[in-house]
Amino acid sequence: MFFVAVFFAGLSSLINLYEAPIATVQEKLKFSRVGACVVTGGTGLLISLFIQGIVSDWMDVVSIYGCPLGAGLMGIMFFWIGDREFVESEVNKGAQKTVARWFYPLCKYVFCPICFIVLIAGAISGGIG
């Protein structure tokens, strides 16, 4: 079940990332939506196959150091610098059901430290995934 959730998370991210190039191909080259999707997806597939060996070390660095550091810094700026009222108003914008009162302390006191634990553990072990 976890694999299915990860697959759909990756697929939805891919759709989001490809939307701008697909729209550009449609607009500039006058392709249909299906044609633009095929061209953009095919180009992305070919590029990813050829650059894997070149960027794999860089992607390791990004995933081991960049992701947890970025998440931790974002958490500090949002949950430690922003006060509770600001955080809850931003998180609840457009929501029909507001987040529970436990959301802010959980993120502030659990999420932020875990980000830095993951960063340190990844640095020591060369990655934790």
N, C-alpha and C. Protein backbone atom coordinates (compact mmCIF):
# COMPACT_ATOMS: atom_id res chain seq x y z
N MET A 1 0.82 -1.19 0.00
CA MET A 1 0.00 0.00 0.00
C MET A 1 0.86 1.25 0.00
N PHE A 2 1.96 1.22 0.76
CA PHE A 2 2.87 2.37 0.82
C PHE A 2 3.43 2.68 -0.56
N PHE A 3 3.78 1.62 -1.32
CA PHE A 3 4.32 1.82 -2.66
C PHE A 3 3.33 2.56 -3.54
N VAL A 4 2.06 2.23 -3.43
CA VAL A 4 1.02 2.87 -4.24
C VAL A 4 0.95 4.36 -3.90
N ALA A 5 1.02 4.69 -2.62
CA ALA A 5 0.97 6.09 -2.20
C ALA A 5 2.19 6.85 -2.73
N VAL A 6 3.36 6.24 -2.64
CA VAL A 6 4.58 6.89 -3.15
C VAL A 6 4.51 7.05 -4.66
N PHE A 7 3.99 6.03 -5.34
CA PHE A 7 3.85 6.11 -6.79
C PHE A 7 2.95 7.28 -7.19
N PHE A 8 1.79 7.41 -6.55
CA PHE A 8 0.88 8.49 -6.90
C PHE A 8 1.44 9.85 -6.48
N ALA A 9 2.19 9.91 -5.40
CA ALA A 9 2.83 11.18 -5.02
C ALA A 9 3.84 11.59 -6.08
N GLY A 10 4.64 10.64 -6.53
CA GLY A 10 5.61 10.93 -7.59
C GLY A 10 4.95 11.31 -8.89
N LEU A 11 3.90 10.61 -9.24
CA LEU A 11 3.18 10.88 -10.48
C LEU A 11 2.55 12.27 -10.45
N SER A 12 1.95 12.63 -9.33
CA SER A 12 1.33 13.96 -9.25
C SER A 12 2.38 15.06 -9.29
N SER A 13 3.56 14.82 -8.71
CA SER A 13 4.65 15.79 -8.80
C SER A 13 5.14 15.93 -10.22
N LEU A 14 5.25 14.81 -10.92
CA LEU A 14 5.69 14.82 -12.30
C LEU A 14 4.71 15.59 -13.18
N ILE A 15 3.44 15.38 -12.98
CA ILE A 15 2.42 16.10 -13.75
C ILE A 15 2.55 17.60 -13.51
N ASN A 16 2.75 17.98 -12.26
CA ASN A 16 2.91 19.39 -11.92
C ASN A 16 4.16 19.98 -12.57
N LEU A 17 5.26 19.27 -12.55
CA LEU A 17 6.51 19.77 -13.12
C LEU A 17 6.45 19.87 -14.64
N TYR A 18 5.73 18.99 -15.29
CA TYR A 18 5.66 18.97 -16.74
C TYR A 18 4.61 19.92 -17.31
N GLU A 19 3.78 20.50 -16.47
CA GLU A 19 2.70 21.35 -16.98
C GLU A 19 3.23 22.57 -17.73
N ALA A 20 4.24 23.24 -17.20
CA ALA A 20 4.78 24.44 -17.88
C ALA A 20 5.40 24.10 -19.23
N PRO A 21 6.27 23.07 -19.33
CA PRO A 21 6.81 22.76 -20.65
C PRO A 21 5.74 22.28 -21.64
N ILE A 22 4.75 21.56 -21.17
CA ILE A 22 3.67 21.11 -22.06
C ILE A 22 2.91 22.33 -22.61
N ALA A 23 2.60 23.26 -21.74
CA ALA A 23 1.89 24.47 -22.18
C ALA A 23 2.74 25.27 -23.17
N THR A 24 4.04 25.31 -22.94
CA THR A 24 4.94 26.03 -23.85
C THR A 24 4.97 25.37 -25.22
N VAL A 25 5.07 24.04 -25.25
CA VAL A 25 5.07 23.32 -26.53
C VAL A 25 3.74 23.55 -27.26
N GLN A 26 2.65 23.53 -26.52
CA GLN A 26 1.34 23.79 -27.13
C GLN A 26 1.30 25.19 -27.73
N GLU A 27 1.76 26.16 -26.96
CA GLU A 27 1.65 27.55 -27.39
C GLU A 27 2.63 27.90 -28.52
N LYS A 28 3.90 27.54 -28.35
CA LYS A 28 4.93 27.96 -29.31
C LYS A 28 4.96 27.09 -30.57
N LEU A 29 4.73 25.80 -30.42
CA LEU A 29 4.83 24.90 -31.56
C LEU A 29 3.46 24.49 -32.11
N LYS A 30 2.40 24.99 -31.47
CA LYS A 30 1.02 24.72 -31.92
C LYS A 30 0.68 23.23 -31.92
N PHE A 31 1.21 22.48 -30.94
CA PHE A 31 0.90 21.05 -30.80
C PHE A 31 -0.43 20.91 -30.08
N SER A 32 -1.08 19.78 -30.30
CA SER A 32 -2.27 19.46 -29.50
C SER A 32 -1.82 19.10 -28.09
N ARG A 33 -2.76 19.00 -27.18
CA ARG A 33 -2.42 18.65 -25.80
C ARG A 33 -1.74 17.29 -25.76
N VAL A 34 -2.29 16.31 -26.44
CA VAL A 34 -1.71 14.96 -26.45
C VAL A 34 -0.33 14.98 -27.07
N GLY A 35 -0.17 15.67 -28.19
CA GLY A 35 1.14 15.76 -28.84
C GLY A 35 2.17 16.43 -27.96
N ALA A 36 1.78 17.50 -27.29
CA ALA A 36 2.70 18.20 -26.39
C ALA A 36 3.10 17.30 -25.22
N CYS A 37 2.14 16.52 -24.71
CA CYS A 37 2.45 15.59 -23.61
C CYS A 37 3.43 14.51 -24.07
N VAL A 38 3.23 13.98 -25.26
CA VAL A 38 4.11 12.94 -25.79
C VAL A 38 5.52 13.49 -26.00
N VAL A 39 5.62 14.67 -26.62
CA VAL A 39 6.93 15.28 -26.88
C VAL A 39 7.64 15.60 -25.56
N THR A 40 6.94 16.22 -24.62
CA THR A 40 7.56 16.60 -23.35
C THR A 40 7.93 15.37 -22.53
N GLY A 41 7.03 14.40 -22.44
CA GLY A 41 7.33 13.18 -21.69
C GLY A 41 8.47 12.39 -22.31
N GLY A 42 8.46 12.27 -23.64
CA GLY A 42 9.53 11.56 -24.33
C GLY A 42 10.87 12.24 -24.16
N THR A 43 10.88 13.56 -24.26
CA THR A 43 12.12 14.31 -24.06
C THR A 43 12.63 14.13 -22.63
N GLY A 44 11.72 14.22 -21.68
CA GLY A 44 12.13 14.01 -20.28
C GLY A 44 12.68 12.62 -20.04
N LEU A 45 12.06 11.62 -20.63
CA LEU A 45 12.52 10.24 -20.48
C LEU A 45 13.92 10.07 -21.07
N LEU A 46 14.11 10.56 -22.28
CA LEU A 46 15.43 10.43 -22.93
C LEU A 46 16.52 11.16 -22.14
N ILE A 47 16.22 12.37 -21.73
CA ILE A 47 17.22 13.13 -20.97
C ILE A 47 17.55 12.42 -19.66
N SER A 48 16.53 11.92 -18.97
CA SER A 48 16.79 11.26 -17.69
C SER A 48 17.62 10.00 -17.85
N LEU A 49 17.41 9.26 -18.95
CA LEU A 49 18.20 8.05 -19.18
C LEU A 49 19.66 8.37 -19.45
N PHE A 50 19.91 9.45 -20.18
CA PHE A 50 21.28 9.79 -20.55
C PHE A 50 22.06 10.52 -19.45
N ILE A 51 21.37 11.24 -18.56
CA ILE A 51 22.10 12.00 -17.55
C ILE A 51 22.18 11.31 -16.19
N GLN A 52 21.58 10.14 -16.06
CA GLN A 52 21.58 9.45 -14.77
C GLN A 52 22.98 9.31 -14.18
N GLY A 53 23.91 8.84 -14.98
CA GLY A 53 25.27 8.65 -14.50
C GLY A 53 25.97 9.95 -14.14
N ILE A 54 25.57 11.03 -14.79
CA ILE A 54 26.20 12.32 -14.55
C ILE A 54 25.69 12.96 -13.25
N VAL A 55 24.40 12.85 -13.00
CA VAL A 55 23.80 13.58 -11.88
C VAL A 55 23.54 12.74 -10.64
N SER A 56 23.82 11.44 -10.67
CA SER A 56 23.46 10.61 -9.52
C SER A 56 24.20 11.02 -8.25
N ASP A 57 25.47 11.37 -8.36
CA ASP A 57 26.20 11.82 -7.17
C ASP A 57 25.64 13.14 -6.64
N TRP A 58 25.31 14.04 -7.57
CA TRP A 58 24.72 15.32 -7.17
C TRP A 58 23.37 15.11 -6.49
N MET A 59 22.57 14.21 -7.01
CA MET A 59 21.27 13.96 -6.40
C MET A 59 21.41 13.34 -5.01
N ASP A 60 22.46 12.54 -4.81
CA ASP A 60 22.72 12.02 -3.48
C ASP A 60 23.01 13.17 -2.51
N VAL A 61 23.83 14.11 -2.94
CA VAL A 61 24.15 15.27 -2.10
C VAL A 61 22.88 16.06 -1.79
N VAL A 62 22.07 16.29 -2.80
CA VAL A 62 20.84 17.05 -2.60
C VAL A 62 19.90 16.34 -1.63
N SER A 63 19.73 15.02 -1.81
CA SER A 63 18.78 14.31 -0.95
C SER A 63 19.31 14.09 0.46
N ILE A 64 20.63 13.93 0.62
CA ILE A 64 21.19 13.70 1.95
C ILE A 64 21.31 15.00 2.74
N TYR A 65 21.74 16.07 2.07
CA TYR A 65 21.99 17.33 2.78
C TYR A 65 20.95 18.40 2.49
N GLY A 66 20.64 18.60 1.21
CA GLY A 66 19.77 19.71 0.82
C GLY A 66 18.35 19.61 1.32
N CYS A 67 17.75 18.45 1.14
CA CYS A 67 16.33 18.30 1.52
C CYS A 67 16.10 18.46 3.02
N PRO A 68 16.82 17.73 3.88
CA PRO A 68 16.56 17.94 5.31
C PRO A 68 16.97 19.32 5.80
N LEU A 69 18.04 19.88 5.24
CA LEU A 69 18.45 21.23 5.64
C LEU A 69 17.40 22.25 5.23
N GLY A 70 16.92 22.15 3.99
CA GLY A 70 15.88 23.07 3.53
C GLY A 70 14.60 22.94 4.33
N ALA A 71 14.19 21.71 4.61
CA ALA A 71 12.97 21.51 5.40
C ALA A 71 13.14 22.05 6.82
N GLY A 72 14.31 21.83 7.40
CA GLY A 72 14.57 22.34 8.75
C GLY A 72 14.59 23.85 8.81
N LEU A 73 15.25 24.48 7.84
CA LEU A 73 15.29 25.95 7.80
C LEU A 73 13.90 26.53 7.55
N MET A 74 13.13 25.88 6.68
CA MET A 74 11.75 26.33 6.44
C MET A 74 10.95 26.21 7.74
N GLY A 75 11.14 25.10 8.45
CA GLY A 75 10.43 24.92 9.71
C GLY A 75 10.79 25.98 10.73
N ILE A 76 12.07 26.30 10.82
CA ILE A 76 12.50 27.35 11.77
C ILE A 76 11.87 28.68 11.39
N MET A 77 11.94 29.04 10.12
CA MET A 77 11.38 30.33 9.69
C MET A 77 9.87 30.39 9.89
N PHE A 78 9.20 29.30 9.60
CA PHE A 78 7.74 29.31 9.67
C PHE A 78 7.23 29.12 11.09
N PHE A 79 7.77 28.13 11.80
CA PHE A 79 7.21 27.78 13.11
C PHE A 79 7.90 28.48 14.28
N TRP A 80 9.16 28.88 14.15
CA TRP A 80 9.86 29.52 15.25
C TRP A 80 9.87 31.04 15.11
N ILE A 81 9.99 31.54 13.89
CA ILE A 81 9.98 32.99 13.70
C ILE A 81 8.55 33.50 13.61
N GLY A 82 7.70 32.78 12.87
CA GLY A 82 6.29 33.15 12.81
C GLY A 82 5.59 32.72 14.10
N ASP A 83 4.69 33.55 14.60
CA ASP A 83 3.98 33.15 15.81
C ASP A 83 2.82 32.22 15.47
N ARG A 84 2.22 31.66 16.50
CA ARG A 84 1.17 30.66 16.33
C ARG A 84 0.00 31.19 15.50
N GLU A 85 -0.42 32.42 15.75
CA GLU A 85 -1.56 32.97 15.03
C GLU A 85 -1.25 33.08 13.53
N PHE A 86 -0.04 33.53 13.19
CA PHE A 86 0.36 33.64 11.78
C PHE A 86 0.36 32.27 11.12
N VAL A 87 0.99 31.29 11.78
CA VAL A 87 1.09 29.95 11.21
C VAL A 87 -0.29 29.36 10.98
N GLU A 88 -1.15 29.42 11.97
CA GLU A 88 -2.47 28.82 11.85
C GLU A 88 -3.32 29.55 10.80
N SER A 89 -3.17 30.86 10.70
CA SER A 89 -3.95 31.57 9.67
C SER A 89 -3.47 31.21 8.27
N GLU A 90 -2.16 31.04 8.09
CA GLU A 90 -1.62 30.67 6.78
C GLU A 90 -2.00 29.23 6.40
N VAL A 91 -1.89 28.34 7.35
CA VAL A 91 -2.19 26.93 7.08
C VAL A 91 -3.68 26.74 6.80
N ASN A 92 -4.50 27.53 7.44
CA ASN A 92 -5.95 27.37 7.30
C ASN A 92 -6.56 28.18 6.16
N LYS A 93 -5.74 28.92 5.41
CA LYS A 93 -6.29 29.70 4.29
C LYS A 93 -6.96 28.79 3.29
N GLY A 94 -8.20 29.07 3.00
CA GLY A 94 -8.95 28.30 2.02
C GLY A 94 -9.45 26.95 2.52
N ALA A 95 -9.14 26.60 3.75
CA ALA A 95 -9.56 25.30 4.27
C ALA A 95 -10.98 25.37 4.79
N GLN A 96 -11.74 24.33 4.54
CA GLN A 96 -13.09 24.28 5.09
C GLN A 96 -13.06 23.81 6.54
N LYS A 97 -12.06 22.99 6.87
CA LYS A 97 -11.89 22.52 8.24
C LYS A 97 -10.50 22.95 8.69
N THR A 98 -10.41 23.66 9.79
CA THR A 98 -9.12 24.18 10.25
C THR A 98 -8.31 23.07 10.92
N VAL A 99 -6.97 23.28 10.95
CA VAL A 99 -6.10 22.29 11.58
C VAL A 99 -6.31 22.33 13.10
N ALA A 100 -6.02 21.22 13.73
CA ALA A 100 -6.20 21.10 15.17
C ALA A 100 -5.15 21.93 15.91
N ARG A 101 -5.39 22.18 17.16
CA ARG A 101 -4.47 22.99 17.99
C ARG A 101 -3.13 22.30 18.19
N TRP A 102 -3.07 20.99 18.01
CA TRP A 102 -1.81 20.26 18.20
C TRP A 102 -0.86 20.43 17.03
N PHE A 103 -1.34 20.95 15.89
CA PHE A 103 -0.51 21.06 14.69
C PHE A 103 0.72 21.94 14.92
N TYR A 104 0.52 23.11 15.48
CA TYR A 104 1.63 24.05 15.67
C TYR A 104 2.71 23.49 16.60
N PRO A 105 2.38 23.02 17.81
CA PRO A 105 3.45 22.49 18.66
C PRO A 105 4.10 21.23 18.09
N LEU A 106 3.33 20.39 17.40
CA LEU A 106 3.92 19.20 16.79
C LEU A 106 4.98 19.60 15.77
N CYS A 107 4.65 20.54 14.91
CA CYS A 107 5.61 20.97 13.89
C CYS A 107 6.80 21.70 14.52
N LYS A 108 6.54 22.53 15.48
CA LYS A 108 7.60 23.33 16.09
C LYS A 108 8.56 22.47 16.90
N TYR A 109 8.04 21.54 17.69
CA TYR A 109 8.89 20.80 18.62
C TYR A 109 9.24 19.38 18.16
N VAL A 110 8.59 18.88 17.13
CA VAL A 110 8.89 17.53 16.63
C VAL A 110 9.46 17.60 15.20
N PHE A 111 8.73 18.24 14.27
CA PHE A 111 9.17 18.30 12.87
C PHE A 111 10.54 18.96 12.73
N CYS A 112 10.72 20.13 13.34
CA CYS A 112 11.99 20.86 13.18
C CYS A 112 13.18 20.05 13.71
N PRO A 113 13.13 19.52 14.93
CA PRO A 113 14.27 18.71 15.38
C PRO A 113 14.51 17.46 14.54
N ILE A 114 13.44 16.81 14.08
CA ILE A 114 13.61 15.61 13.26
C ILE A 114 14.34 15.94 11.96
N CYS A 115 14.07 17.10 11.38
CA CYS A 115 14.79 17.50 10.16
C CYS A 115 16.29 17.52 10.39
N PHE A 116 16.71 18.06 11.52
CA PHE A 116 18.14 18.16 11.78
C PHE A 116 18.73 16.81 12.22
N ILE A 117 17.93 15.97 12.85
CA ILE A 117 18.37 14.61 13.16
C ILE A 117 18.60 13.84 11.86
N VAL A 118 17.69 13.98 10.92
CA VAL A 118 17.84 13.32 9.61
C VAL A 118 19.07 13.85 8.89
N LEU A 119 19.31 15.16 8.94
CA LEU A 119 20.49 15.75 8.32
C LEU A 119 21.77 15.17 8.91
N ILE A 120 21.85 15.12 10.21
CA ILE A 120 23.06 14.60 10.88
C ILE A 120 23.22 13.11 10.62
N ALA A 121 22.13 12.35 10.74
CA ALA A 121 22.20 10.90 10.48
C ALA A 121 22.60 10.61 9.04
N GLY A 122 22.08 11.38 8.11
CA GLY A 122 22.45 11.20 6.71
C GLY A 122 23.90 11.53 6.44
N ALA A 123 24.39 12.59 7.09
CA ALA A 123 25.78 12.98 6.91
C ALA A 123 26.74 11.93 7.48
N ILE A 124 26.35 11.35 8.60
CA ILE A 124 27.21 10.35 9.24
C ILE A 124 27.21 9.04 8.45
N SER A 125 26.03 8.63 8.01
CA SER A 125 25.91 7.31 7.37
C SER A 125 25.94 7.35 5.84
N GLY A 126 26.02 8.53 5.27
CA GLY A 126 26.01 8.62 3.82
C GLY A 126 24.63 8.46 3.22
N GLY A 127 23.61 8.72 4.00
CA GLY A 127 22.21 8.60 3.56
C GLY A 127 21.46 7.63 4.44
N ILE A 128 20.20 7.92 4.68
CA ILE A 128 19.42 7.05 5.57
C ILE A 128 18.26 6.39 4.85
N GLY A 129 18.16 6.57 3.54
CA GLY A 129 17.03 6.01 2.80
C GLY A 129 17.32 4.64 2.25
